[in-house]
C-alpha atoms as a PDB file:
ATOM      1  CA  MET A   1      60.588 102.670  51.405  1.00  0.00           C
ATOM      2  CA  THR A   2      62.832 104.364  54.234  1.00  0.00           C
ATOM      3  CA  THR A   3      66.521 103.057  55.159  1.00  0.00           C
ATOM      4  CA  VAL A   4      67.605 103.772  58.812  1.00  0.00           C
ATOM      5  CA  MET A   5      71.464 104.085  59.239  1.00  0.00           C
ATOM      6  CA  THR A   6      72.755 104.112  62.681  1.00  0.00           C
ATOM      7  CA  GLN A   7      76.394 105.581  63.430  1.00  0.00           C
ATOM      8  CA  GLU A   8      78.259 103.052  65.440  1.00  0.00           C
ATOM      9  CA  PRO A   9      80.253 104.189  68.066  1.00  0.00           C
ATOM     10  CA  SER A  10      84.117 104.684  67.734  1.00  0.00           C
ATOM     11  CA  THR A  11      86.329 101.994  68.684  1.00  0.00           C
ATOM     12  CA  GLU A  12      89.474 104.166  68.282  1.00  0.00           C
ATOM     13  CA  ARG A  13      91.615 104.895  71.463  1.00  0.00           C
ATOM     14  CA  PRO A  14      94.358 107.271  71.775  1.00  0.00           C
ATOM     15  CA  ALA A  15      97.619 105.665  71.463  1.00  0.00           C
ATOM     16  CA  ARG A  16      98.403 106.552  75.075  1.00  0.00           C
ATOM     17  CA  PRO A  17      96.084 107.614  78.024  1.00  0.00           C
ATOM     18  CA  GLY A  18      96.457 110.633  79.509  1.00  0.00           C
ATOM     19  CA  ILE A  19      97.865 111.373  83.197  1.00  0.00           C
ATOM     20  CA  ALA A  20      94.495 111.823  84.228  1.00  0.00           C
ATOM     21  CA  ALA A  21      93.185 108.322  83.529  1.00  0.00           C
ATOM     22  CA  ARG A  22      96.371 106.628  84.897  1.00  0.00           C
ATOM     23  CA  LEU A  23      95.891 108.378  88.115  1.00  0.00           C
ATOM     24  CA  LEU A  24      92.295 107.361  88.692  1.00  0.00           C
ATOM     25  CA  VAL A  25      93.112 103.543  88.970  1.00  0.00           C
ATOM     26  CA  THR A  26      92.736 102.439  92.290  1.00  0.00           C
ATOM     27  CA  GLY A  27      96.108 100.037  92.143  1.00  0.00           C
ATOM     28  CA  PHE A  28      97.840 102.760  91.597  1.00  0.00           C
ATOM     29  CA  TRP A  29      96.941 104.560  94.974  1.00  0.00           C
ATOM     30  CA  GLY A  30      96.893 101.283  96.896  1.00  0.00           C
ATOM     31  CA  ALA A  31     100.444 100.646  96.129  1.00  0.00           C
ATOM     32  CA  LEU A  32     101.415 103.958  96.714  1.00  0.00           C
ATOM     33  CA  SER A  33      99.763 103.854 100.223  1.00  0.00           C
ATOM     34  CA  ILE A  34     101.485 100.517 100.819  1.00  0.00           C
ATOM     35  CA  VAL A  35     104.979 101.804  99.610  1.00  0.00           C
ATOM     36  CA  SER A  36     104.881 105.190 102.017  1.00  0.00           C
ATOM     37  CA  MET A  37     103.802 103.073 105.110  1.00  0.00           C
ATOM     38  CA  TRP A  38     107.017 100.956 104.574  1.00  0.00           C
ATOM     39  CA  LEU A  39     109.090 103.912 103.885  1.00  0.00           C
ATOM     40  CA  ALA A  40     107.981 105.361 107.249  1.00  0.00           C
ATOM     41  CA  VAL A  41     109.087 102.094 108.893  1.00  0.00           C
ATOM     42  CA  LEU A  42     112.534 102.404 106.926  1.00  0.00           C
ATOM     43  CA  PHE A  43     112.799 106.117 108.204  1.00  0.00           C
ATOM     44  CA  VAL A  44     112.080 105.466 111.486  1.00  0.00           C
ATOM     45  CA  GLY A  45     114.144 102.645 111.717  1.00  0.00           C
ATOM     46  CA  ILE A  46     117.008 104.530 110.662  1.00  0.00           C
ATOM     47  CA  PHE A  47     116.337 107.977 112.664  1.00  0.00           C
ATOM     48  CA  GLY A  48     114.041 106.718 115.072  1.00  0.00           C
ATOM     49  CA  GLY A  49     114.843 106.181 118.745  1.00  0.00           C
ATOM     50  CA  ASN A  50     114.492 102.700 121.067  1.00  0.00           C
ATOM     51  CA  LEU A  51     112.001 102.121 123.399  1.00  0.00           C
ATOM     52  CA  THR A  52     114.074 102.009 126.496  1.00  0.00           C
ATOM     53  CA  SER A  53     112.875  99.889 129.588  1.00  0.00           C
ATOM     54  CA  VAL A  54     115.033  99.562 133.022  1.00  0.00           C
ATOM     55  CA  SER A  55     114.077  96.784 135.512  1.00  0.00           C
ATOM     56  CA  ALA A  56     114.175  96.917 139.226  1.00  0.00           C
ATOM     57  CA  GLY A  57     117.448  94.852 139.083  1.00  0.00           C
ATOM     58  CA  GLY A  58     119.244  97.642 136.856  1.00  0.00           C
ATOM     59  CA  ASP A  59     119.025  95.578 133.586  1.00  0.00           C
ATOM     60  CA  VAL A  60     118.262  97.768 130.644  1.00  0.00           C
ATOM     61  CA  THR A  61     116.330  96.626 127.313  1.00  0.00           C
ATOM     62  CA  ASN A  62     116.392  98.583 124.260  1.00  0.00           C
ATOM     63  CA  ILE A  63     113.725  97.702 121.494  1.00  0.00           C
ATOM     64  CA  PRO A  64     113.835  99.769 118.004  1.00  0.00           C
ATOM     65  CA  SER A  65     110.727 101.459 117.874  1.00  0.00           C
ATOM     66  CA  SER A  66     110.428 100.451 114.231  1.00  0.00           C
ATOM     67  CA  ILE A  67     109.487  97.055 115.244  1.00  0.00           C
ATOM     68  CA  PHE A  68     106.392  98.515 116.570  1.00  0.00           C
ATOM     69  CA  LEU A  69     105.424 100.485 113.440  1.00  0.00           C
ATOM     70  CA  ALA A  70     106.585  97.531 111.454  1.00  0.00           C
ATOM     71  CA  PHE A  71     103.605  95.484 113.148  1.00  0.00           C
ATOM     72  CA  PHE A  72     101.298  98.049 112.106  1.00  0.00           C
ATOM     73  CA  ALA A  73     102.373  98.278 108.691  1.00  0.00           C
ATOM     74  CA  VAL A  74     101.869  94.763 108.012  1.00  0.00           C
ATOM     75  CA  ILE A  75      98.224  94.979 109.336  1.00  0.00           C
ATOM     76  CA  GLY A  76      98.010  98.047 107.066  1.00  0.00           C
ATOM     77  CA  THR A  77      99.408  96.488 104.222  1.00  0.00           C
ATOM     78  CA  ALA A  78      97.373  93.226 104.258  1.00  0.00           C
ATOM     79  CA  SER A  79      94.102  95.482 104.637  1.00  0.00           C
ATOM     80  CA  ILE A  80      95.008  97.508 101.668  1.00  0.00           C
ATOM     81  CA  ALA A  81      95.985  94.788  99.571  1.00  0.00           C
ATOM     82  CA  LYS A  82      92.673  92.578 100.259  1.00  0.00           C
ATOM     83  CA  ARG A  83      90.547  95.731  99.599  1.00  0.00           C
ATOM     84  CA  VAL A  84      92.815  97.188  96.474  1.00  0.00           C
ATOM     85  CA  PHE A  85      94.264  93.990  94.721  1.00  0.00           C
ATOM     86  CA  GLY A  86      91.632  91.518  95.896  1.00  0.00           C
ATOM     87  CA  ARG A  87      89.643  89.217  93.474  1.00  0.00           C
ATOM     88  CA  ARG A  88      86.294  91.004  92.451  1.00  0.00           C
ATOM     89  CA  ASP A  89      83.544  88.723  91.405  1.00  0.00           C
ATOM     90  CA  ALA A  90      81.955  89.064  88.115  1.00  0.00           C
ATOM     91  CA  ASP A  91      78.693  90.949  88.564  1.00  0.00           C
END
């Protein structure tokens, strides 16, 4: 009579995963892209210029250019958040 013994896979994990394992997480890159979008809005708001419109009557309207950039940052934030942080259905 023979006895077959199989070795079970090791369940031990390193105490702390390496930097490579943490950089491969999609949530990290999603958060990084959202933060960088809003930092761009911040710096354009601080250092950027204004959009100036002069009407025929001589009225001058100044609109900060960061308002337009913030509009597109909202769209980008929503799409990245839905894609990266959205709920995934169990397969």
